[in-house]
Amino acid sequence: MSKILVIDDEKPTLSMFKLFLGAYGYEVLTAESGEAGLEVFVREHPPIVLTDIKMPGMDGLHVLKRIKEIDPFAEVIVITGHGDMDIAITALNLNATDFINKPIQRGDLDAALRRAEERLQLLRDKEEEVASRDLGYAVVIDVKGNITSRSEPFLIAEYEKAAASGGSIVMRFDDNSSINGAGIAVLIQLFSESEKQGQAVAIAGLSENFRKVFDMVGITRFAAIYDTEEEALTALGA
Protein backbone atom coordinates (compact mmCIF):
# COMPACT_ATOMS: atom_id res chain seq x y z
CA MET A 1 0.00 0.00 0.00
CA SER A 2 1.53 3.31 -1.09
CA LYS A 3 1.74 6.11 1.46
CA ILE A 4 0.44 9.60 0.80
CA LEU A 5 0.67 12.61 3.13
CA VAL A 6 -1.94 15.37 3.20
CA ILE A 7 -1.15 18.64 5.01
CA ASP A 8 -4.02 21.05 5.60
CA ASP A 9 -5.11 23.07 8.63
CA GLU A 10 -8.81 22.43 7.92
CA LYS A 11 -10.03 19.23 9.57
CA PRO A 12 -13.02 18.73 7.20
CA THR A 13 -10.62 18.89 4.23
CA LEU A 14 -8.35 16.28 5.82
CA SER A 15 -11.36 14.05 6.48
CA MET A 16 -12.42 14.36 2.83
CA PHE A 17 -8.95 13.43 1.60
CA LYS A 18 -8.72 10.52 4.04
CA LEU A 19 -12.01 9.16 2.75
CA PHE A 20 -11.21 9.53 -0.97
CA LEU A 21 -7.57 8.51 -0.88
CA GLY A 22 -8.24 5.58 1.44
CA ALA A 23 -10.82 4.32 -1.08
CA TYR A 24 -8.11 4.55 -3.77
CA GLY A 25 -5.93 2.17 -1.74
CA TYR A 26 -3.46 4.64 -0.23
CA GLU A 27 -2.24 4.58 3.35
CA VAL A 28 -3.27 8.14 4.18
CA LEU A 29 -1.14 10.17 6.58
CA THR A 30 -2.45 13.58 7.67
CA ALA A 31 -1.09 16.65 9.43
CA GLU A 32 -2.87 19.82 10.53
CA SER A 33 0.13 22.15 10.16
CA GLY A 34 3.26 22.57 8.09
CA GLU A 35 5.47 21.80 11.06
CA ALA A 36 3.61 18.57 11.85
CA GLY A 37 3.61 17.65 8.15
CA LEU A 38 7.38 17.89 7.94
CA GLU A 39 7.75 15.66 10.99
CA VAL A 40 5.50 13.04 9.37
CA PHE A 41 7.40 13.30 6.07
CA VAL A 42 10.78 12.75 7.74
CA ARG A 43 9.43 9.80 9.71
CA GLU A 44 7.34 8.06 7.03
CA HIS A 45 8.92 9.08 3.68
CA PRO A 46 5.68 9.11 1.63
CA PRO A 47 6.40 9.39 -2.13
CA ILE A 48 3.44 11.75 -2.68
CA VAL A 49 2.53 14.83 -0.61
CA LEU A 50 -0.50 17.08 -0.96
CA THR A 51 -0.13 20.37 0.89
CA ASP A 52 -2.34 23.40 1.20
CA ILE A 53 -0.55 26.68 0.52
CA LYS A 54 -2.26 28.97 3.00
CA MET A 55 -1.78 27.74 6.55
CA PRO A 56 -0.97 29.54 9.80
CA GLY A 57 2.65 29.17 10.92
CA MET A 58 4.71 27.34 8.29
CA ASP A 59 2.87 27.81 5.00
CA GLY A 60 2.73 25.36 2.11
CA LEU A 61 5.52 27.01 0.12
CA HIS A 62 7.91 26.64 3.07
CA VAL A 63 6.80 23.01 3.50
CA LEU A 64 7.38 22.39 -0.22
CA LYS A 65 10.86 23.90 -0.09
CA ARG A 66 11.91 21.81 2.94
CA ILE A 67 10.50 18.56 1.52
CA LYS A 68 12.35 19.09 -1.77
CA GLU A 69 15.57 19.73 0.16
CA ILE A 70 15.06 16.42 1.98
CA ASP A 71 13.94 14.41 -1.08
CA PRO A 72 14.17 16.08 -4.52
CA PHE A 73 12.19 13.21 -6.07
CA ALA A 74 9.14 13.50 -3.79
CA GLU A 75 5.95 14.30 -5.69
CA VAL A 76 4.63 17.45 -3.99
CA ILE A 77 1.23 18.63 -5.22
CA VAL A 78 0.23 22.03 -3.85
CA ILE A 79 -3.35 23.08 -3.23
CA THR A 80 -4.01 26.67 -4.27
CA GLY A 81 -6.99 28.98 -4.25
CA HIS A 82 -9.21 28.86 -7.32
CA GLY A 83 -7.49 30.56 -10.27
CA ASP A 84 -4.51 31.61 -8.15
CA MET A 85 -1.96 31.11 -10.92
CA ASP A 86 0.66 33.44 -9.40
CA ILE A 87 1.00 31.15 -6.36
CA ALA A 88 0.96 28.07 -8.58
CA ILE A 89 3.88 29.44 -10.61
CA THR A 90 5.74 30.39 -7.43
CA ALA A 91 5.28 26.79 -6.25
CA LEU A 92 6.61 25.44 -9.57
CA ASN A 93 9.66 27.66 -9.13
CA LEU A 94 10.19 25.84 -5.82
CA ASN A 95 9.96 22.48 -7.62
CA ALA A 96 6.34 21.56 -6.92
CA THR A 97 5.40 18.87 -9.41
CA ASP A 98 1.73 19.79 -9.82
CA PHE A 99 -1.09 21.88 -8.38
CA ILE A 100 -4.83 21.65 -7.88
CA ASN A 101 -7.30 24.37 -6.99
CA LYS A 102 -9.73 24.70 -4.12
CA PRO A 103 -12.54 23.77 -3.91
CA ILE A 104 -11.13 20.34 -4.77
CA GLN A 105 -12.83 18.68 -7.73
CA ARG A 106 -12.57 14.91 -7.71
CA GLY A 107 -11.63 14.80 -11.40
CA ASP A 108 -8.73 17.22 -10.81
CA LEU A 109 -7.54 15.18 -7.82
CA ASP A 110 -7.73 11.94 -9.81
CA ALA A 111 -5.76 13.46 -12.70
CA ALA A 112 -3.06 14.91 -10.42
CA LEU A 113 -2.62 11.57 -8.63
CA ARG A 114 -2.46 9.65 -11.90
CA ARG A 115 0.23 12.01 -13.22
CA ALA A 116 2.20 11.69 -9.97
CA GLU A 117 2.05 7.87 -10.05
CA GLU A 118 3.14 7.83 -13.71
CA ARG A 119 6.11 10.11 -12.95
CA LEU A 120 7.14 7.89 -10.03
CA GLN A 121 6.94 4.85 -12.31
CA LEU A 122 9.15 6.60 -14.89
CA LEU A 123 11.64 7.25 -12.12
CA ARG A 124 11.57 3.61 -11.03
CA ASP A 125 12.01 2.46 -14.64
CA LYS A 126 14.81 5.01 -15.10
CA GLU A 127 13.31 6.09 -18.42
CA GLU A 128 14.71 9.15 -20.16
CA GLU A 129 12.55 12.27 -19.81
CA VAL A 130 13.58 13.70 -23.17
CA ALA A 131 14.11 11.99 -26.54
CA SER A 132 13.65 13.09 -30.16
CA ARG A 133 12.40 11.56 -33.40
CA ASP A 134 13.51 12.91 -36.78
CA LEU A 135 10.59 12.48 -39.20
CA GLY A 136 12.60 13.88 -42.10
CA TYR A 137 10.28 16.85 -42.58
CA ALA A 138 10.17 17.77 -38.87
CA VAL A 139 11.64 16.73 -35.53
CA VAL A 140 9.41 15.68 -32.63
CA ILE A 141 10.87 16.03 -29.15
CA ASP A 142 9.09 13.75 -26.66
CA VAL A 143 8.98 15.06 -23.10
CA LYS A 144 7.68 13.13 -20.10
CA GLY A 145 8.10 13.02 -16.33
CA ASN A 146 9.60 15.87 -14.35
CA ILE A 147 11.54 18.48 -16.30
CA THR A 148 13.86 20.11 -13.77
CA SER A 149 17.38 21.49 -13.62
CA ARG A 150 18.59 17.85 -13.63
CA SER A 151 17.03 17.20 -17.05
CA GLU A 152 17.88 20.67 -18.42
CA PRO A 153 21.10 19.62 -20.28
CA PHE A 154 19.27 16.72 -21.98
CA LEU A 155 16.45 19.04 -23.06
CA ILE A 156 18.90 21.60 -24.46
CA ALA A 157 20.92 18.91 -26.28
CA GLU A 158 17.83 17.38 -27.95
CA TYR A 159 16.48 20.81 -28.88
CA GLU A 160 19.77 21.98 -30.39
CA LYS A 161 19.95 18.76 -32.41
CA ALA A 162 16.40 19.37 -33.65
CA ALA A 163 17.14 23.02 -34.44
CA ALA A 164 20.21 22.01 -36.46
CA SER A 165 17.97 19.99 -38.78
CA GLY A 166 16.53 23.25 -40.09
CA GLY A 167 12.99 21.87 -40.15
CA SER A 168 9.97 22.46 -37.96
CA ILE A 169 9.98 21.34 -34.34
CA VAL A 170 7.11 19.84 -32.35
CA MET A 171 7.64 19.49 -28.61
CA ARG A 172 5.24 16.75 -27.54
CA PHE A 173 4.52 16.58 -23.82
CA ASP A 174 3.03 13.50 -22.19
CA ASP A 175 0.03 14.24 -20.01
CA ASN A 176 2.16 13.28 -16.99
CA SER A 177 4.79 15.96 -17.74
CA SER A 178 5.68 18.38 -14.97
CA ILE A 179 7.94 21.39 -15.46
CA ASN A 180 9.41 23.47 -12.71
CA GLY A 181 10.54 27.10 -12.93
CA ALA A 182 14.01 26.22 -14.25
CA GLY A 183 12.49 24.08 -17.01
CA ILE A 184 10.08 26.85 -18.00
CA ALA A 185 12.96 29.35 -18.21
CA VAL A 186 14.91 27.00 -20.50
CA LEU A 187 11.90 26.53 -22.77
CA ILE A 188 11.43 30.28 -23.13
CA GLN A 189 15.11 30.64 -24.00
CA LEU A 190 15.01 27.86 -26.61
CA PHE A 191 11.76 29.01 -28.22
CA SER A 192 12.99 32.61 -28.29
CA GLU A 193 16.10 31.51 -30.16
CA SER A 194 13.96 29.58 -32.67
CA GLU A 195 11.86 32.68 -33.25
CA LYS A 196 15.01 34.67 -34.03
CA GLN A 197 16.09 31.97 -36.47
CA GLY A 198 12.65 31.89 -38.13
CA GLN A 199 12.20 28.24 -37.16
CA ALA A 200 8.58 27.09 -36.72
CA VAL A 201 7.80 25.48 -33.35
CA ALA A 202 4.60 24.02 -31.90
CA ILE A 203 3.63 22.20 -28.70
CA ALA A 204 1.48 19.08 -28.53
CA GLY A 205 -0.13 17.37 -25.53
CA LEU A 206 0.38 18.71 -22.00
CA SER A 207 -2.09 18.64 -19.14
CA GLU A 208 -4.63 21.43 -18.76
CA ASN A 209 -2.82 22.67 -15.65
CA PHE A 210 0.42 23.29 -17.48
CA ARG A 211 -1.34 24.74 -20.53
CA LYS A 212 -2.56 27.52 -18.24
CA VAL A 213 0.94 28.01 -16.86
CA PHE A 214 2.51 28.13 -20.33
CA ASP A 215 -0.04 30.72 -21.40
CA MET A 216 0.50 32.86 -18.31
CA VAL A 217 4.32 32.91 -18.55
CA GLY A 218 4.23 33.74 -22.27
CA ILE A 219 5.43 30.47 -23.80
CA THR A 220 2.38 30.36 -26.10
CA ARG A 221 3.62 33.58 -27.67
CA PHE A 222 6.38 31.51 -29.25
CA ALA A 223 4.58 28.20 -29.82
CA ALA A 224 0.88 27.38 -30.05
CA ILE A 225 -0.39 24.32 -28.14
CA TYR A 226 -2.30 21.55 -29.92
CA ASP A 227 -3.98 18.44 -28.52
CA THR A 228 -2.07 15.95 -30.66
CA GLU A 229 1.23 15.61 -32.48
CA GLU A 230 -0.64 15.24 -35.78
CA GLU A 231 -2.50 18.53 -35.27
CA ALA A 232 0.74 20.31 -34.43
CA LEU A 233 2.52 18.94 -37.51
CA THR A 234 -0.41 19.93 -39.73
CA ALA A 235 -0.47 23.45 -38.28
CA LEU A 236 3.23 23.82 -39.05
CA GLY A 237 2.67 22.62 -42.59
CA ALA A 238 5.11 19.80 -42.00
C-alpha atoms as a PDB file:
ATOM      1  CA  MET A   1       0.000   0.000   0.000  1.00  0.00           C
ATOM      2  CA  SER A   2       1.535   3.314  -1.091  1.00  0.00           C
ATOM      3  CA  LYS A   3       1.738   6.107   1.460  1.00  0.00           C
ATOM      4  CA  ILE A   4       0.442   9.598   0.803  1.00  0.00           C
ATOM      5  CA  LEU A   5       0.675  12.610   3.127  1.00  0.00           C
ATOM      6  CA  VAL A   6      -1.937  15.374   3.196  1.00  0.00           C
ATOM      7  CA  ILE A   7      -1.152  18.641   5.014  1.00  0.00           C
ATOM      8  CA  ASP A   8      -4.021  21.049   5.600  1.00  0.00           C
ATOM      9  CA  ASP A   9      -5.106  23.067   8.635  1.00  0.00           C
ATOM     10  CA  GLU A  10      -8.809  22.431   7.920  1.00  0.00           C
ATOM     11  CA  LYS A  11     -10.031  19.232   9.572  1.00  0.00           C
ATOM     12  CA  PRO A  12     -13.025  18.730   7.201  1.00  0.00           C
ATOM     13  CA  THR A  13     -10.624  18.886   4.228  1.00  0.00           C
ATOM     14  CA  LEU A  14      -8.352  16.282   5.820  1.00  0.00           C
ATOM     15  CA  SER A  15     -11.360  14.047   6.477  1.00  0.00           C
ATOM     16  CA  MET A  16     -12.418  14.360   2.834  1.00  0.00           C
ATOM     17  CA  PHE A  17      -8.946  13.434   1.597  1.00  0.00           C
ATOM     18  CA  LYS A  18      -8.720  10.520   4.038  1.00  0.00           C
ATOM     19  CA  LEU A  19     -12.011   9.157   2.748  1.00  0.00           C
ATOM     20  CA  PHE A  20     -11.210   9.527  -0.970  1.00  0.00           C
ATOM     21  CA  LEU A  21      -7.566   8.511  -0.879  1.00  0.00           C
ATOM     22  CA  GLY A  22      -8.238   5.579   1.439  1.00  0.00           C
ATOM     23  CA  ALA A  23     -10.816   4.322  -1.076  1.00  0.00           C
ATOM     24  CA  TYR A  24      -8.109   4.545  -3.768  1.00  0.00           C
ATOM     25  CA  GLY A  25      -5.928   2.173  -1.737  1.00  0.00           C
ATOM     26  CA  TYR A  26      -3.461   4.639  -0.226  1.00  0.00           C
ATOM     27  CA  GLU A  27      -2.244   4.576   3.349  1.00  0.00           C
ATOM     28  CA  VAL A  28      -3.274   8.136   4.180  1.00  0.00           C
ATOM     29  CA  LEU A  29      -1.136  10.172   6.577  1.00  0.00           C
ATOM     30  CA  THR A  30      -2.448  13.579   7.672  1.00  0.00           C
ATOM     31  CA  ALA A  31      -1.085  16.648   9.426  1.00  0.00           C
ATOM     32  CA  GLU A  32      -2.869  19.820  10.533  1.00  0.00           C
ATOM     33  CA  SER A  33       0.129  22.146  10.164  1.00  0.00           C
ATOM     34  CA  GLY A  34       3.258  22.569   8.094  1.00  0.00           C
ATOM     35  CA  GLU A  35       5.469  21.797  11.059  1.00  0.00           C
ATOM     36  CA  ALA A  36       3.614  18.574  11.851  1.00  0.00           C
ATOM     37  CA  GLY A  37       3.605  17.649   8.155  1.00  0.00           C
ATOM     38  CA  LEU A  38       7.385  17.891   7.943  1.00  0.00           C
ATOM     39  CA  GLU A  39       7.753  15.656  10.992  1.00  0.00           C
ATOM     40  CA  VAL A  40       5.496  13.036   9.367  1.00  0.00           C
ATOM     41  CA  PHE A  41       7.397  13.301   6.073  1.00  0.00           C
ATOM     42  CA  VAL A  42      10.779  12.750   7.741  1.00  0.00           C
ATOM     43  CA  ARG A  43       9.434   9.796   9.714  1.00  0.00           C
ATOM     44  CA  GLU A  44       7.336   8.060   7.033  1.00  0.00           C
ATOM     45  CA  HIS A  45       8.916   9.079   3.678  1.00  0.00           C
ATOM     46  CA  PRO A  46       5.678   9.110   1.631  1.00  0.00           C
ATOM     47  CA  PRO A  47       6.395   9.387  -2.127  1.00  0.00           C
ATOM     48  CA  ILE A  48       3.440  11.754  -2.675  1.00  0.00           C
ATOM     49  CA  VAL A  49       2.534  14.833  -0.605  1.00  0.00           C
ATOM     50  CA  LEU A  50      -0.496  17.080  -0.958  1.00  0.00           C
ATOM     51  CA  THR A  51      -0.130  20.374   0.890  1.00  0.00           C
ATOM     52  CA  ASP A  52      -2.335  23.404   1.205  1.00  0.00           C
ATOM     53  CA  ILE A  53      -0.548  26.679   0.521  1.00  0.00           C
ATOM     54  CA  LYS A  54      -2.263  28.973   3.001  1.00  0.00           C
ATOM     55  CA  MET A  55      -1.777  27.736   6.551  1.00  0.00           C
ATOM     56  CA  PRO A  56      -0.967  29.541   9.803  1.00  0.00           C
ATOM     57  CA  GLY A  57       2.649  29.172  10.915  1.00  0.00           C
ATOM     58  CA  MET A  58       4.712  27.335   8.291  1.00  0.00           C
ATOM     59  CA  ASP A  59       2.869  27.807   4.998  1.00  0.00           C
ATOM     60  CA  GLY A  60       2.731  25.355   2.109  1.00  0.00           C
ATOM     61  CA  LEU A  61       5.517  27.014   0.118  1.00  0.00           C
ATOM     62  CA  HIS A  62       7.906  26.642   3.070  1.00  0.00           C
ATOM     63  CA  VAL A  63       6.802  23.011   3.500  1.00  0.00           C
ATOM     64  CA  LEU A  64       7.378  22.388  -0.215  1.00  0.00           C
ATOM     65  CA  LYS A  65      10.865  23.901  -0.092  1.00  0.00           C
ATOM     66  CA  ARG A  66      11.907  21.808   2.939  1.00  0.00           C
ATOM     67  CA  ILE A  67      10.505  18.557   1.523  1.00  0.00           C
ATOM     68  CA  LYS A  68      12.347  19.087  -1.771  1.00  0.00           C
ATOM     69  CA  GLU A  69      15.572  19.734   0.161  1.00  0.00           C
ATOM     70  CA  ILE A  70      15.064  16.418   1.981  1.00  0.00           C
ATOM     71  CA  ASP A  71      13.942  14.411  -1.078  1.00  0.00           C
ATOM     72  CA  PRO A  72      14.171  16.084  -4.523  1.00  0.00           C
ATOM     73  CA  PHE A  73      12.191  13.212  -6.068  1.00  0.00           C
ATOM     74  CA  ALA A  74       9.143  13.500  -3.794  1.00  0.00           C
ATOM     75  CA  GLU A  75       5.955  14.302  -5.686  1.00  0.00           C
ATOM     76  CA  VAL A  76       4.627  17.455  -3.993  1.00  0.00           C
ATOM     77  CA  ILE A  77       1.232  18.634  -5.221  1.00  0.00           C
ATOM     78  CA  VAL A  78       0.235  22.029  -3.853  1.00  0.00           C
ATOM     79  CA  ILE A  79      -3.353  23.085  -3.235  1.00  0.00           C
ATOM     80  CA  THR A  80      -4.007  26.669  -4.269  1.00  0.00           C
ATOM     81  CA  GLY A  81      -6.991  28.976  -4.253  1.00  0.00           C
ATOM     82  CA  HIS A  82      -9.211  28.860  -7.324  1.00  0.00           C
ATOM     83  CA  GLY A  83      -7.488  30.556 -10.266  1.00  0.00           C
ATOM     84  CA  ASP A  84      -4.512  31.611  -8.145  1.00  0.00           C
ATOM     85  CA  MET A  85      -1.962  31.114 -10.915  1.00  0.00           C
ATOM     86  CA  ASP A  86       0.661  33.438  -9.396  1.00  0.00           C
ATOM     87  CA  ILE A  87       0.995  31.154  -6.364  1.00  0.00           C
ATOM     88  CA  ALA A  88       0.964  28.066  -8.585  1.00  0.00           C
ATOM     89  CA  ILE A  89       3.882  29.437 -10.610  1.00  0.00           C
ATOM     90  CA  THR A  90       5.737  30.389  -7.426  1.00  0.00           C
ATOM     91  CA  ALA A  91       5.280  26.793  -6.247  1.00  0.00           C
ATOM     92  CA  LEU A  92       6.608  25.441  -9.574  1.00  0.00           C
ATOM     93  CA  ASN A  93       9.659  27.660  -9.132  1.00  0.00           C
ATOM     94  CA  LEU A  94      10.191  25.841  -5.818  1.00  0.00           C
ATOM     95  CA  ASN A  95       9.960  22.476  -7.624  1.00  0.00           C
ATOM     96  CA  ALA A  96       6.343  21.563  -6.921  1.00  0.00           C
ATOM     97  CA  THR A  97       5.400  18.872  -9.410  1.00  0.00           C
ATOM     98  CA  ASP A  98       1.729  19.790  -9.817  1.00  0.00           C
ATOM     99  CA  PHE A  99      -1.086  21.876  -8.383  1.00  0.00           C
ATOM    100  CA  ILE A 100      -4.829  21.646  -7.879  1.00  0.00           C
ATOM    101  CA  ASN A 101      -7.297  24.370  -6.993  1.00  0.00           C
ATOM    102  CA  LYS A 102      -9.731  24.703  -4.121  1.00  0.00           C
ATOM    103  CA  PRO A 103     -12.537  23.769  -3.915  1.00  0.00           C
ATOM    104  CA  ILE A 104     -11.133  20.345  -4.773  1.00  0.00           C
ATOM    105  CA  GLN A 105     -12.833  18.682  -7.727  1.00  0.00           C
ATOM    106  CA  ARG A 106     -12.571  14.912  -7.711  1.00  0.00           C
ATOM    107  CA  GLY A 107     -11.629  14.803 -11.398  1.00  0.00           C
ATOM    108  CA  ASP A 108      -8.730  17.221 -10.805  1.00  0.00           C
ATOM    109  CA  LEU A 109      -7.538  15.185  -7.821  1.00  0.00           C
ATOM    110  CA  ASP A 110      -7.728  11.938  -9.806  1.00  0.00           C
ATOM    111  CA  ALA A 111      -5.758  13.458 -12.697  1.00  0.00           C
ATOM    112  CA  ALA A 112      -3.059  14.907 -10.417  1.00  0.00           C
ATOM    113  CA  LEU A 113      -2.619  11.565  -8.626  1.00  0.00           C
ATOM    114  CA  ARG A 114      -2.461   9.650 -11.903  1.00  0.00           C
ATOM    115  CA  ARG A 115       0.225  12.015 -13.221  1.00  0.00           C
ATOM    116  CA  ALA A 116       2.203  11.685  -9.966  1.00  0.00           C
ATOM    117  CA  GLU A 117       2.048   7.871 -10.054  1.00  0.00           C
ATOM    118  CA  GLU A 118       3.143   7.829 -13.708  1.00  0.00           C
ATOM    119  CA  ARG A 119       6.109  10.109 -12.953  1.00  0.00           C
ATOM    120  CA  LEU A 120       7.136   7.887 -10.035  1.00  0.00           C
ATOM    121  CA  GLN A 121       6.936   4.848 -12.308  1.00  0.00           C
ATOM    122  CA  LEU A 122       9.149   6.596 -14.891  1.00  0.00           C
ATOM    123  CA  LEU A 123      11.644   7.254 -12.123  1.00  0.00           C
ATOM    124  CA  ARG A 124      11.574   3.612 -11.029  1.00  0.00           C
ATOM    125  CA  ASP A 125      12.014   2.458 -14.638  1.00  0.00           C
ATOM    126  CA  LYS A 126      14.814   5.008 -15.104  1.00  0.00           C
ATOM    127  CA  GLU A 127      13.311   6.094 -18.423  1.00  0.00           C
ATOM    128  CA  GLU A 128      14.708   9.154 -20.157  1.00  0.00           C
ATOM    129  CA  GLU A 129      12.550  12.268 -19.808  1.00  0.00           C
ATOM    130  CA  VAL A 130      13.583  13.701 -23.174  1.00  0.00           C
ATOM    131  CA  ALA A 131      14.110  11.990 -26.545  1.00  0.00           C
ATOM    132  CA  SER A 132      13.652  13.088 -30.165  1.00  0.00           C
ATOM    133  CA  ARG A 133      12.401  11.556 -33.401  1.00  0.00           C
ATOM    134  CA  ASP A 134      13.505  12.905 -36.775  1.00  0.00           C
ATOM    135  CA  LEU A 135      10.592  12.476 -39.201  1.00  0.00           C
ATOM    136  CA  GLY A 136      12.597  13.878 -42.105  1.00  0.00           C
ATOM    137  CA  TYR A 137      10.283  16.852 -42.577  1.00  0.00           C
ATOM    138  CA  ALA A 138      10.167  17.767 -38.866  1.00  0.00           C
ATOM    139  CA  VAL A 139      11.638  16.729 -35.530  1.00  0.00           C
ATOM    140  CA  VAL A 140       9.408  15.683 -32.629  1.00  0.00           C
ATOM    141  CA  ILE A 141      10.872  16.032 -29.148  1.00  0.00           C
ATOM    142  CA  ASP A 142       9.087  13.747 -26.662  1.00  0.00           C
ATOM    143  CA  VAL A 143       8.983  15.059 -23.096  1.00  0.00           C
ATOM    144  CA  LYS A 144       7.681  13.128 -20.097  1.00  0.00           C
ATOM    145  CA  GLY A 145       8.096  13.022 -16.330  1.00  0.00           C
ATOM    146  CA  ASN A 146       9.596  15.869 -14.348  1.00  0.00           C
ATOM    147  CA  ILE A 147      11.543  18.483 -16.296  1.00  0.00           C
ATOM    148  CA  THR A 148      13.857  20.108 -13.770  1.00  0.00           C
ATOM    149  CA  SER A 149      17.381  21.490 -13.618  1.00  0.00           C
ATOM    150  CA  ARG A 150      18.591  17.852 -13.628  1.00  0.00           C
ATOM    151  CA  SER A 151      17.030  17.201 -17.051  1.00  0.00           C
ATOM    152  CA  GLU A 152      17.883  20.668 -18.421  1.00  0.00           C
ATOM    153  CA  PRO A 153      21.104  19.620 -20.279  1.00  0.00           C
ATOM    154  CA  PHE A 154      19.269  16.724 -21.983  1.00  0.00           C
ATOM    155  CA  LEU A 155      16.447  19.043 -23.060  1.00  0.00           C
ATOM    156  CA  ILE A 156      18.901  21.596 -24.460  1.00  0.00           C
ATOM    157  CA  ALA A 157      20.916  18.909 -26.283  1.00  0.00           C
ATOM    158  CA  GLU A 158      17.830  17.384 -27.948  1.00  0.00           C
ATOM    159  CA  TYR A 159      16.481  20.810 -28.882  1.00  0.00           C
ATOM    160  CA  GLU A 160      19.773  21.978 -30.389  1.00  0.00           C
ATOM    161  CA  LYS A 161      19.945  18.763 -32.409  1.00  0.00           C
ATOM    162  CA  ALA A 162      16.398  19.374 -33.652  1.00  0.00           C
ATOM    163  CA  ALA A 163      17.140  23.019 -34.443  1.00  0.00           C
ATOM    164  CA  ALA A 164      20.213  22.015 -36.459  1.00  0.00           C
ATOM    165  CA  SER A 165      17.966  19.990 -38.784  1.00  0.00           C
ATOM    166  CA  GLY A 166      16.526  23.254 -40.089  1.00  0.00           C
ATOM    167  CA  GLY A 167      12.985  21.866 -40.153  1.00  0.00           C
ATOM    168  CA  SER A 168       9.968  22.456 -37.957  1.00  0.00           C
ATOM    169  CA  ILE A 169       9.977  21.337 -34.337  1.00  0.00           C
ATOM    170  CA  VAL A 170       7.114  19.840 -32.349  1.00  0.00           C
ATOM    171  CA  MET A 171       7.636  19.495 -28.614  1.00  0.00           C
ATOM    172  CA  ARG A 172       5.244  16.747 -27.539  1.00  0.00           C
ATOM    173  CA  PHE A 173       4.516  16.578 -23.823  1.00  0.00           C
ATOM    174  CA  ASP A 174       3.028  13.501 -22.187  1.00  0.00           C
ATOM    175  CA  ASP A 175       0.033  14.237 -20.008  1.00  0.00           C
ATOM    176  CA  ASN A 176       2.163  13.276 -16.992  1.00  0.00           C
ATOM    177  CA  SER A 177       4.790  15.956 -17.738  1.00  0.00           C
ATOM    178  CA  SER A 178       5.681  18.376 -14.974  1.00  0.00           C
ATOM    179  CA  ILE A 179       7.939  21.392 -15.464  1.00  0.00           C
ATOM    180  CA  ASN A 180       9.412  23.474 -12.715  1.00  0.00           C
ATOM    181  CA  GLY A 181      10.543  27.102 -12.925  1.00  0.00           C
ATOM    182  CA  ALA A 182      14.007  26.220 -14.246  1.00  0.00           C
ATOM    183  CA  GLY A 183      12.490  24.077 -17.005  1.00  0.00           C
ATOM    184  CA  ILE A 184      10.082  26.851 -17.997  1.00  0.00           C
ATOM    185  CA  ALA A 185      12.958  29.350 -18.206  1.00  0.00           C
ATOM    186  CA  VAL A 186      14.908  27.004 -20.502  1.00  0.00           C
ATOM    187  CA  LEU A 187      11.902  26.529 -22.771  1.00  0.00           C
ATOM    188  CA  ILE A 188      11.433  30.283 -23.133  1.00  0.00           C
ATOM    189  CA  GLN A 189      15.113  30.644 -23.995  1.00  0.00           C
ATOM    190  CA  LEU A 190      15.013  27.856 -26.609  1.00  0.00           C
ATOM    191  CA  PHE A 191      11.761  29.014 -28.215  1.00  0.00           C
ATOM    192  CA  SER A 192      12.988  32.612 -28.285  1.00  0.00           C
ATOM    193  CA  GLU A 193      16.095  31.506 -30.156  1.00  0.00           C
ATOM    194  CA  SER A 194      13.962  29.578 -32.671  1.00  0.00           C
ATOM    195  CA  GLU A 195      11.858  32.678 -33.254  1.00  0.00           C
ATOM    196  CA  LYS A 196      15.012  34.673 -34.028  1.00  0.00           C
ATOM    197  CA  GLN A 197      16.087  31.971 -36.466  1.00  0.00           C
ATOM    198  CA  GLY A 198      12.652  31.887 -38.125  1.00  0.00           C
ATOM    199  CA  GLN A 199      12.195  28.243 -37.164  1.00  0.00           C
ATOM    200  CA  ALA A 200       8.579  27.086 -36.715  1.00  0.00           C
ATOM    201  CA  VAL A 201       7.799  25.480 -33.354  1.00  0.00           C
ATOM    202  CA  ALA A 202       4.599  24.020 -31.896  1.00  0.00           C
ATOM    203  CA  ILE A 203       3.634  22.201 -28.704  1.00  0.00           C
ATOM    204  CA  ALA A 204       1.476  19.076 -28.527  1.00  0.00           C
ATOM    205  CA  GLY A 205      -0.135  17.369 -25.533  1.00  0.00           C
ATOM    206  CA  LEU A 206       0.382  18.712 -22.003  1.00  0.00           C
ATOM    207  CA  SER A 207      -2.086  18.643 -19.139  1.00  0.00           C
ATOM    208  CA  GLU A 208      -4.630  21.431 -18.756  1.00  0.00           C
ATOM    209  CA  ASN A 209      -2.820  22.667 -15.646  1.00  0.00           C
ATOM    210  CA  PHE A 210       0.421  23.294 -17.476  1.00  0.00           C
ATOM    211  CA  ARG A 211      -1.336  24.738 -20.526  1.00  0.00           C
ATOM    212  CA  LYS A 212      -2.558  27.520 -18.241  1.00  0.00           C
ATOM    213  CA  VAL A 213       0.940  28.007 -16.862  1.00  0.00           C
ATOM    214  CA  PHE A 214       2.510  28.129 -20.332  1.00  0.00           C
ATOM    215  CA  ASP A 215      -0.039  30.718 -21.395  1.00  0.00           C
ATOM    216  CA  MET A 216       0.503  32.856 -18.307  1.00  0.00           C
ATOM    217  CA  VAL A 217       4.317  32.908 -18.552  1.00  0.00           C
ATOM    218  CA  GLY A 218       4.235  33.740 -22.270  1.00  0.00           C
ATOM    219  CA  ILE A 219       5.432  30.467 -23.805  1.00  0.00           C
ATOM    220  CA  THR A 220       2.384  30.358 -26.095  1.00  0.00           C
ATOM    221  CA  ARG A 221       3.619  33.580 -27.667  1.00  0.00           C
ATOM    222  CA  PHE A 222       6.381  31.513 -29.252  1.00  0.00           C
ATOM    223  CA  ALA A 223       4.579  28.204 -29.818  1.00  0.00           C
ATOM    224  CA  ALA A 224       0.877  27.379 -30.048  1.00  0.00           C
ATOM    225  CA  ILE A 225      -0.390  24.324 -28.138  1.00  0.00           C
ATOM    226  CA  TYR A 226      -2.300  21.548 -29.917  1.00  0.00           C
ATOM    227  CA  ASP A 227      -3.980  18.445 -28.519  1.00  0.00           C
ATOM    228  CA  THR A 228      -2.074  15.949 -30.656  1.00  0.00           C
ATOM    229  CA  GLU A 229       1.232  15.608 -32.485  1.00  0.00           C
ATOM    230  CA  GLU A 230      -0.641  15.241 -35.782  1.00  0.00           C
ATOM    231  CA  GLU A 231      -2.505  18.533 -35.269  1.00  0.00           C
ATOM    232  CA  ALA A 232       0.737  20.310 -34.431  1.00  0.00           C
ATOM    233  CA  LEU A 233       2.523  18.937 -37.513  1.00  0.00           C
ATOM    234  CA  THR A 234      -0.411  19.930 -39.728  1.00  0.00           C
ATOM    235  CA  ALA A 235      -0.469  23.454 -38.280  1.00  0.00           C
ATOM    236  CA  LEU A 236       3.233  23.817 -39.052  1.00  0.00           C
ATOM    237  CA  GLY A 237       2.665  22.623 -42.591  1.00  0.00           C
ATOM    238  CA  ALA A 238       5.107  19.799 -41.995  1.00  0.00           C
END
